[in-house]
Amino acid sequence: ALTAGAKRVETLSFDFSNVESSGDVVAKAVELFGKLDYLVLNHGAMVLGHLIGNDKHQDPEFISRILRINALSFYELTFKALPYLEASKGHIFVTSSTNGEVPTSYSNIYTTTKHAVNGFFYSLQQELLARQSPVG
């Protein structure tokens, strides 16, 4: 990034399974840079394997952790960042997966989370348009 013309680069570390502390990473970014122009959501936990006959993939705590990482953290980071993005006329970039559109038999939990992400952001896009929000 520095060779591409950035004046400085900062790295923020965050445990995406700890959804409640997502506001901390947004606040830290605003503290470092004075504003927030972009929210890039490009994280996730890939879970492969059949659901039926796989005790780990049927464990509620395991499923909850994957949901927190792959979906709930996306929502919460967006909620926390949206006021700053509206102030700066910023943008949200979301990386999902083809599994969010086309389910497969070998990635049930992962596919579930990606459908949730796509549904959330498709709906949010419509809500922001209806509000005439400057966020793109």
C-alpha atoms as a PDB file:
ATOM      1  CA  ALA A   1       0.000   0.000   0.000  1.00  0.00           C
ATOM      2  CA  LEU A   2       2.843   2.375   0.756  1.00  0.00           C
ATOM      3  CA  THR A   3       4.361   1.781  -2.665  1.00  0.00           C
ATOM      4  CA  ALA A   4       0.962   2.546  -4.200  1.00  0.00           C
ATOM      5  CA  GLY A   5       0.976   6.023  -2.674  1.00  0.00           C
ATOM      6  CA  ALA A   6      -0.551   5.548   0.780  1.00  0.00           C
ATOM      7  CA  LYS A   7       0.927   7.875   3.386  1.00  0.00           C
ATOM      8  CA  ARG A   8       0.645   5.253   6.097  1.00  0.00           C
ATOM      9  CA  VAL A   9      -0.740   1.790   6.689  1.00  0.00           C
ATOM     10  CA  GLU A  10      -2.355   0.598   9.899  1.00  0.00           C
ATOM     11  CA  THR A  11      -3.363  -2.955  10.762  1.00  0.00           C
ATOM     12  CA  LEU A  12      -6.203  -3.629  13.172  1.00  0.00           C
ATOM     13  CA  SER A  13      -6.579  -7.092  14.630  1.00  0.00           C
ATOM     14  CA  PHE A  14     -10.051  -8.331  15.488  1.00  0.00           C
ATOM     15  CA  ASP A  15     -11.675 -11.580  16.602  1.00  0.00           C
ATOM     16  CA  PHE A  16     -14.734 -11.786  14.349  1.00  0.00           C
ATOM     17  CA  SER A  17     -16.355 -14.394  16.582  1.00  0.00           C
ATOM     18  CA  ASN A  18     -16.604 -11.712  19.293  1.00  0.00           C
ATOM     19  CA  VAL A  19     -19.438  -9.788  17.668  1.00  0.00           C
ATOM     20  CA  GLU A  20     -20.078  -7.516  20.640  1.00  0.00           C
ATOM     21  CA  SER A  21     -16.645  -5.872  20.388  1.00  0.00           C
ATOM     22  CA  SER A  22     -17.014  -4.968  16.716  1.00  0.00           C
ATOM     23  CA  GLY A  23     -17.690  -1.370  17.668  1.00  0.00           C
ATOM     24  CA  ASP A  24     -14.175  -1.231  19.079  1.00  0.00           C
ATOM     25  CA  VAL A  25     -12.537  -1.891  15.710  1.00  0.00           C
ATOM     26  CA  VAL A  26     -14.720   0.720  13.995  1.00  0.00           C
ATOM     27  CA  ALA A  27     -13.984   3.275  16.744  1.00  0.00           C
ATOM     28  CA  LYS A  28     -10.252   2.525  16.507  1.00  0.00           C
ATOM     29  CA  ALA A  29     -10.271   3.068  12.740  1.00  0.00           C
ATOM     30  CA  VAL A  30     -12.053   6.407  13.156  1.00  0.00           C
ATOM     31  CA  GLU A  31      -9.613   7.366  15.909  1.00  0.00           C
ATOM     32  CA  LEU A  32      -6.624   6.561  13.668  1.00  0.00           C
ATOM     33  CA  PHE A  33      -7.898   8.234  10.498  1.00  0.00           C
ATOM     34  CA  GLY A  34     -10.462  10.776  11.703  1.00  0.00           C
ATOM     35  CA  LYS A  35     -13.187   9.337   9.495  1.00  0.00           C
ATOM     36  CA  LEU A  36     -14.312   6.175   7.760  1.00  0.00           C
ATOM     37  CA  ASP A  37     -14.617   6.083   3.981  1.00  0.00           C
ATOM     38  CA  TYR A  38     -14.827   2.354   3.339  1.00  0.00           C
ATOM     39  CA  LEU A  39     -16.011  -0.748   5.122  1.00  0.00           C
ATOM     40  CA  VAL A  40     -14.569  -3.845   3.474  1.00  0.00           C
ATOM     41  CA  LEU A  41     -16.083  -7.078   4.750  1.00  0.00           C
ATOM     42  CA  ASN A  42     -13.909  -9.875   3.426  1.00  0.00           C
ATOM     43  CA  HIS A  43     -13.612 -12.396   6.221  1.00  0.00           C
ATOM     44  CA  GLY A  44     -15.117 -15.751   6.962  1.00  0.00           C
ATOM     45  CA  ALA A  45     -14.689 -19.265   8.237  1.00  0.00           C
ATOM     46  CA  MET A  46     -14.925 -21.958   5.581  1.00  0.00           C
ATOM     47  CA  VAL A  47     -16.645 -25.084   6.801  1.00  0.00           C
ATOM     48  CA  LEU A  48     -16.639 -28.097   4.527  1.00  0.00           C
ATOM     49  CA  GLY A  49     -18.219 -31.457   5.190  1.00  0.00           C
ATOM     50  CA  HIS A  50     -21.598 -33.094   5.238  1.00  0.00           C
ATOM     51  CA  LEU A  51     -24.030 -32.123   7.962  1.00  0.00           C
ATOM     52  CA  ILE A  52     -25.692 -35.528   8.345  1.00  0.00           C
ATOM     53  CA  GLY A  53     -23.526 -37.946  10.282  1.00  0.00           C
ATOM     54  CA  ASN A  54     -21.077 -35.228  11.335  1.00  0.00           C
ATOM     55  CA  ASP A  55     -21.422 -34.575  15.070  1.00  0.00           C
ATOM     56  CA  LYS A  56     -19.163 -31.503  14.992  1.00  0.00           C
ATOM     57  CA  HIS A  57     -21.293 -29.829  12.312  1.00  0.00           C
ATOM     58  CA  GLN A  58     -24.416 -30.512  14.400  1.00  0.00           C
ATOM     59  CA  ASP A  59     -22.964 -29.004  17.586  1.00  0.00           C
ATOM     60  CA  PRO A  60     -24.886 -25.798  18.435  1.00  0.00           C
ATOM     61  CA  GLU A  61     -21.787 -24.011  19.766  1.00  0.00           C
ATOM     62  CA  PHE A  62     -19.834 -24.787  16.584  1.00  0.00           C
ATOM     63  CA  ILE A  63     -22.707 -23.590  14.410  1.00  0.00           C
ATOM     64  CA  SER A  64     -23.087 -20.452  16.553  1.00  0.00           C
ATOM     65  CA  ARG A  65     -19.373 -19.611  16.206  1.00  0.00           C
ATOM     66  CA  ILE A  66     -19.522 -19.928  12.399  1.00  0.00           C
ATOM     67  CA  LEU A  67     -22.672 -17.788  12.289  1.00  0.00           C
ATOM     68  CA  ARG A  68     -20.971 -15.128  14.423  1.00  0.00           C
ATOM     69  CA  ILE A  69     -17.919 -15.032  12.172  1.00  0.00           C
ATOM     70  CA  ASN A  70     -19.618 -15.330   8.774  1.00  0.00           C
ATOM     71  CA  ALA A  71     -22.820 -13.366   9.299  1.00  0.00           C
ATOM     72  CA  LEU A  72     -23.391 -11.609  12.620  1.00  0.00           C
ATOM     73  CA  SER A  73     -20.030  -9.817  12.562  1.00  0.00           C
ATOM     74  CA  PHE A  74     -20.875  -8.479   9.082  1.00  0.00           C
ATOM     75  CA  TYR A  75     -24.146  -7.065  10.431  1.00  0.00           C
ATOM     76  CA  GLU A  76     -22.672  -5.571  13.576  1.00  0.00           C
ATOM     77  CA  LEU A  77     -19.678  -3.993  11.830  1.00  0.00           C
ATOM     78  CA  THR A  78     -22.098  -2.454   9.341  1.00  0.00           C
ATOM     79  CA  PHE A  79     -24.368  -1.071  12.093  1.00  0.00           C
ATOM     80  CA  LYS A  80     -21.378   0.481  13.862  1.00  0.00           C
ATOM     81  CA  ALA A  81     -19.813   1.878  10.671  1.00  0.00           C
ATOM     82  CA  LEU A  82     -22.941   3.209   8.968  1.00  0.00           C
ATOM     83  CA  PRO A  83     -23.104   6.614  10.732  1.00  0.00           C
ATOM     84  CA  TYR A  84     -19.472   7.303   9.817  1.00  0.00           C
ATOM     85  CA  LEU A  85     -19.986   6.109   6.246  1.00  0.00           C
ATOM     86  CA  GLU A  86     -23.048   8.301   5.836  1.00  0.00           C
ATOM     87  CA  ALA A  87     -21.047  11.298   7.117  1.00  0.00           C
ATOM     88  CA  SER A  88     -18.237  10.668   4.613  1.00  0.00           C
ATOM     89  CA  LYS A  89     -20.504   9.463   1.778  1.00  0.00           C
ATOM     90  CA  GLY A  90     -18.541   6.246   2.018  1.00  0.00           C
ATOM     91  CA  HIS A  91     -18.914   2.761   0.627  1.00  0.00           C
ATOM     92  CA  ILE A  92     -19.495  -0.778   1.842  1.00  0.00           C
ATOM     93  CA  PHE A  93     -17.801  -3.641   0.010  1.00  0.00           C
ATOM     94  CA  VAL A  94     -18.940  -7.158   0.840  1.00  0.00           C
ATOM     95  CA  THR A  95     -17.311 -10.395  -0.255  1.00  0.00           C
ATOM     96  CA  SER A  96     -19.677 -13.322  -0.086  1.00  0.00           C
ATOM     97  CA  SER A  97     -19.579 -16.566  -2.055  1.00  0.00           C
ATOM     98  CA  THR A  98     -21.296 -18.357  -4.869  1.00  0.00           C
ATOM     99  CA  ASN A  99     -22.561 -20.577  -2.036  1.00  0.00           C
ATOM    100  CA  GLY A 100     -24.691 -17.602  -1.036  1.00  0.00           C
ATOM    101  CA  GLU A 101     -26.597 -18.034  -4.292  1.00  0.00           C
ATOM    102  CA  VAL A 102     -26.193 -21.718  -5.143  1.00  0.00           C
ATOM    103  CA  PRO A 103     -26.199 -24.256  -2.294  1.00  0.00           C
ATOM    104  CA  THR A 104     -23.972 -27.300  -2.306  1.00  0.00           C
ATOM    105  CA  SER A 105     -24.281 -30.568  -0.426  1.00  0.00           C
ATOM    106  CA  TYR A 106     -20.829 -30.405   1.123  1.00  0.00           C
ATOM    107  CA  SER A 107     -20.973 -27.013   2.827  1.00  0.00           C
ATOM    108  CA  ASN A 108     -24.329 -26.683   4.585  1.00  0.00           C
ATOM    109  CA  ILE A 109     -23.287 -24.372   7.437  1.00  0.00           C
ATOM    110  CA  TYR A 110     -21.087 -22.186   5.229  1.00  0.00           C
ATOM    111  CA  THR A 111     -23.856 -21.934   2.617  1.00  0.00           C
ATOM    112  CA  THR A 112     -26.366 -20.992   5.311  1.00  0.00           C
ATOM    113  CA  THR A 113     -24.194 -18.111   6.512  1.00  0.00           C
ATOM    114  CA  LYS A 114     -23.553 -16.812   3.009  1.00  0.00           C
ATOM    115  CA  HIS A 115     -27.293 -16.831   2.212  1.00  0.00           C
ATOM    116  CA  ALA A 116     -27.783 -14.806   5.391  1.00  0.00           C
ATOM    117  CA  VAL A 117     -25.120 -12.283   4.351  1.00  0.00           C
ATOM    118  CA  ASN A 118     -26.540 -11.902   0.852  1.00  0.00           C
ATOM    119  CA  GLY A 119     -30.091 -11.480   2.123  1.00  0.00           C
ATOM    120  CA  PHE A 120     -29.014  -8.889   4.669  1.00  0.00           C
ATOM    121  CA  PHE A 121     -27.012  -6.767   2.231  1.00  0.00           C
ATOM    122  CA  TYR A 122     -29.544  -7.020  -0.610  1.00  0.00           C
ATOM    123  CA  SER A 123     -32.179  -5.738   1.823  1.00  0.00           C
ATOM    124  CA  LEU A 124     -29.889  -3.094   3.312  1.00  0.00           C
ATOM    125  CA  GLN A 125     -29.119  -1.815  -0.178  1.00  0.00           C
ATOM    126  CA  GLN A 126     -32.846  -1.302  -0.799  1.00  0.00           C
ATOM    127  CA  GLU A 127     -33.294   0.410   2.568  1.00  0.00           C
ATOM    128  CA  LEU A 128     -30.370   2.779   1.925  1.00  0.00           C
ATOM    129  CA  LEU A 129     -31.749   3.615  -1.526  1.00  0.00           C
ATOM    130  CA  ALA A 130     -35.218   4.316  -0.087  1.00  0.00           C
ATOM    131  CA  ARG A 131     -33.641   6.634   2.525  1.00  0.00           C
ATOM    132  CA  GLN A 132     -31.543   8.293  -0.174  1.00  0.00           C
ATOM    133  CA  SER A 133     -28.476   7.491   1.892  1.00  0.00           C
ATOM    134  CA  PRO A 134     -25.172   8.633   0.381  1.00  0.00           C
ATOM    135  CA  VAL A 135     -23.595   5.258   1.232  1.00  0.00           C
ATOM    136  CA  GLY A 136     -22.744   3.257  -1.865  1.00  0.00           C
END
